[in-house]
Amino acid sequence: MKVTGSHLIAKALRAEGVQKIFALAGDHTLPVMDLMARQGFEFIDTRHEQGAVHAAEGYARSSGKVGCVLVTSGPGATNIVTGLTDALLDSIPLVCITGQVGSK
């Protein structure tokens, strides 16, 4: 079996106990979302990146688990900055993953 970046991301998140991922689907995130959905991860569609990061932060605060976000590249990554900063300042465990355009 060919091991891809999606496999490595799923393995790392599983090792950290991540089960729920607040996500916004996009061209560059669909391969990892597809693989992870088949492995039993639960995706919560937030419709906006900023909503995803704040929802993940609230989830982490209330559950004591790691909050996880998966968003698209470019503006998607930019839209999570406020939530990342808030989580950093409040010591909230948060993992944010952004898609990226492939390169050879």
C-alpha atoms as a PDB file:
ATOM      1  CA  MET A   1       0.000   0.000   0.000  1.00  0.00           C
ATOM      2  CA  LYS A   2       1.237   3.461  -0.899  1.00  0.00           C
ATOM      3  CA  VAL A   3       1.496   5.688   2.185  1.00  0.00           C
ATOM      4  CA  THR A   4       0.422   9.265   1.502  1.00  0.00           C
ATOM      5  CA  GLY A   5       0.470  12.490   3.474  1.00  0.00           C
ATOM      6  CA  SER A   6      -3.204  11.850   4.248  1.00  0.00           C
ATOM      7  CA  HIS A   7      -2.276   8.555   5.921  1.00  0.00           C
ATOM      8  CA  LEU A   8       0.388  10.273   8.019  1.00  0.00           C
ATOM      9  CA  ILE A   9      -1.967  13.056   9.099  1.00  0.00           C
ATOM     10  CA  ALA A  10      -4.646  10.516  10.083  1.00  0.00           C
ATOM     11  CA  LYS A  11      -2.123   8.431  12.028  1.00  0.00           C
ATOM     12  CA  ALA A  12      -0.783  11.456  13.921  1.00  0.00           C
ATOM     13  CA  LEU A  13      -4.264  12.729  14.804  1.00  0.00           C
ATOM     14  CA  ARG A  14      -5.399   9.272  15.907  1.00  0.00           C
ATOM     15  CA  ALA A  15      -2.325   9.064  18.186  1.00  0.00           C
ATOM     16  CA  GLU A  16      -3.434  12.337  19.826  1.00  0.00           C
ATOM     17  CA  GLY A  17      -6.953  11.026  20.388  1.00  0.00           C
ATOM     18  CA  VAL A  18      -8.634  13.252  17.809  1.00  0.00           C
ATOM     19  CA  GLN A  19     -12.059  12.001  16.734  1.00  0.00           C
ATOM     20  CA  LYS A  20     -13.895  15.169  15.667  1.00  0.00           C
ATOM     21  CA  ILE A  21     -12.565  17.611  13.100  1.00  0.00           C
ATOM     22  CA  PHE A  22     -14.113  20.983  12.380  1.00  0.00           C
ATOM     23  CA  ALA A  23     -13.656  21.388   8.655  1.00  0.00           C
ATOM     24  CA  LEU A  24     -14.383  23.269   5.502  1.00  0.00           C
ATOM     25  CA  ALA A  25     -14.135  21.079   2.429  1.00  0.00           C
ATOM     26  CA  GLY A  26     -12.132  22.310  -0.523  1.00  0.00           C
ATOM     27  CA  ASP A  27     -10.180  21.025  -3.507  1.00  0.00           C
ATOM     28  CA  HIS A  28      -6.994  20.661  -1.508  1.00  0.00           C
ATOM     29  CA  THR A  29      -8.554  19.082   1.583  1.00  0.00           C
ATOM     30  CA  LEU A  30     -10.843  16.500  -0.029  1.00  0.00           C
ATOM     31  CA  PRO A  31      -8.217  13.723  -0.337  1.00  0.00           C
ATOM     32  CA  VAL A  32      -7.390  13.812   3.382  1.00  0.00           C
ATOM     33  CA  MET A  33     -11.062  14.206   4.353  1.00  0.00           C
ATOM     34  CA  ASP A  34     -12.032  11.241   2.191  1.00  0.00           C
ATOM     35  CA  LEU A  35      -9.403   8.959   3.714  1.00  0.00           C
ATOM     36  CA  MET A  36     -10.081  10.096   7.260  1.00  0.00           C
ATOM     37  CA  ALA A  37     -13.845   9.683   6.900  1.00  0.00           C
ATOM     38  CA  ARG A  38     -13.266   6.069   5.842  1.00  0.00           C
ATOM     39  CA  GLN A  39     -11.171   5.623   9.000  1.00  0.00           C
ATOM     40  CA  GLY A  40     -13.981   6.813  11.273  1.00  0.00           C
ATOM     41  CA  PHE A  41     -13.109  10.460  11.914  1.00  0.00           C
ATOM     42  CA  GLU A  42     -16.174  12.678  12.326  1.00  0.00           C
ATOM     43  CA  PHE A  43     -16.241  15.919  10.337  1.00  0.00           C
ATOM     44  CA  ILE A  44     -18.298  18.884  11.435  1.00  0.00           C
ATOM     45  CA  ASP A  45     -18.937  21.192   8.475  1.00  0.00           C
ATOM     46  CA  THR A  46     -18.742  24.792   9.642  1.00  0.00           C
ATOM     47  CA  ARG A  47     -19.211  26.678   6.339  1.00  0.00           C
ATOM     48  CA  HIS A  48     -16.479  29.195   7.254  1.00  0.00           C
ATOM     49  CA  GLU A  49     -12.903  28.812   8.443  1.00  0.00           C
ATOM     50  CA  GLN A  50     -13.229  31.295  11.288  1.00  0.00           C
ATOM     51  CA  GLY A  51     -16.277  29.415  12.536  1.00  0.00           C
ATOM     52  CA  ALA A  52     -14.297  26.164  12.350  1.00  0.00           C
ATOM     53  CA  VAL A  53     -11.421  27.397  14.476  1.00  0.00           C
ATOM     54  CA  HIS A  54     -13.654  28.977  17.113  1.00  0.00           C
ATOM     55  CA  ALA A  55     -15.841  25.854  17.246  1.00  0.00           C
ATOM     56  CA  ALA A  56     -12.737  23.681  17.693  1.00  0.00           C
ATOM     57  CA  GLU A  57     -11.532  26.006  20.411  1.00  0.00           C
ATOM     58  CA  GLY A  58     -14.878  25.769  22.220  1.00  0.00           C
ATOM     59  CA  TYR A  59     -14.833  21.989  21.829  1.00  0.00           C
ATOM     60  CA  ALA A  60     -11.344  21.813  23.342  1.00  0.00           C
ATOM     61  CA  ARG A  61     -12.325  24.064  26.240  1.00  0.00           C
ATOM     62  CA  SER A  62     -15.454  22.085  27.085  1.00  0.00           C
ATOM     63  CA  SER A  63     -14.205  18.543  26.457  1.00  0.00           C
ATOM     64  CA  GLY A  64     -10.574  18.743  27.566  1.00  0.00           C
ATOM     65  CA  LYS A  65      -9.587  17.113  24.266  1.00  0.00           C
ATOM     66  CA  VAL A  66      -7.539  18.516  21.418  1.00  0.00           C
ATOM     67  CA  GLY A  67      -9.548  20.708  19.043  1.00  0.00           C
ATOM     68  CA  CYS A  68      -8.808  20.021  15.389  1.00  0.00           C
ATOM     69  CA  VAL A  69      -9.432  22.153  12.307  1.00  0.00           C
ATOM     70  CA  LEU A  70      -8.992  21.334   8.618  1.00  0.00           C
ATOM     71  CA  VAL A  71      -9.387  24.196   6.125  1.00  0.00           C
ATOM     72  CA  THR A  72      -8.430  25.119   2.594  1.00  0.00           C
ATOM     73  CA  SER A  73      -5.282  26.949   1.558  1.00  0.00           C
ATOM     74  CA  GLY A  74      -4.894  30.665   0.902  1.00  0.00           C
ATOM     75  CA  PRO A  75      -7.742  32.688   2.402  1.00  0.00           C
ATOM     76  CA  GLY A  76      -8.814  29.626   4.394  1.00  0.00           C
ATOM     77  CA  ALA A  77      -5.529  29.673   6.265  1.00  0.00           C
ATOM     78  CA  THR A  78      -5.753  33.423   6.776  1.00  0.00           C
ATOM     79  CA  ASN A  79      -9.250  33.161   8.252  1.00  0.00           C
ATOM     80  CA  ILE A  80      -8.082  30.938  11.137  1.00  0.00           C
ATOM     81  CA  VAL A  81      -5.451  33.350  12.477  1.00  0.00           C
ATOM     82  CA  THR A  82      -7.687  35.036  15.070  1.00  0.00           C
ATOM     83  CA  GLY A  83      -8.802  31.702  16.539  1.00  0.00           C
ATOM     84  CA  LEU A  84      -5.238  30.386  16.576  1.00  0.00           C
ATOM     85  CA  THR A  85      -4.052  33.466  18.443  1.00  0.00           C
ATOM     86  CA  ASP A  86      -6.912  33.221  20.937  1.00  0.00           C
ATOM     87  CA  ALA A  87      -6.154  29.547  21.583  1.00  0.00           C
ATOM     88  CA  LEU A  88      -2.444  30.285  21.992  1.00  0.00           C
ATOM     89  CA  LEU A  89      -3.045  33.064  24.511  1.00  0.00           C
ATOM     90  CA  ASP A  90      -5.468  30.913  26.520  1.00  0.00           C
ATOM     91  CA  SER A  91      -3.344  27.727  26.306  1.00  0.00           C
ATOM     92  CA  ILE A  92      -6.067  25.796  24.471  1.00  0.00           C
ATOM     93  CA  PRO A  93      -4.834  22.635  22.677  1.00  0.00           C
ATOM     94  CA  LEU A  94      -5.607  23.182  19.000  1.00  0.00           C
ATOM     95  CA  VAL A  95      -4.318  21.563  15.816  1.00  0.00           C
ATOM     96  CA  CYS A  96      -4.978  23.371  12.545  1.00  0.00           C
ATOM     97  CA  ILE A  97      -4.262  21.796   9.178  1.00  0.00           C
ATOM     98  CA  THR A  98      -4.517  23.630   5.870  1.00  0.00           C
ATOM     99  CA  GLY A  99      -4.621  22.213   2.404  1.00  0.00           C
ATOM    100  CA  GLN A 100      -1.975  23.239  -0.102  1.00  0.00           C
ATOM    101  CA  VAL A 101      -1.543  23.159  -3.829  1.00  0.00           C
ATOM    102  CA  GLY A 102       0.475  20.099  -4.803  1.00  0.00           C
ATOM    103  CA  SER A 103       3.940  20.338  -6.270  1.00  0.00           C
ATOM    104  CA  LYS A 104       6.058  17.807  -8.079  1.00  0.00           C
END
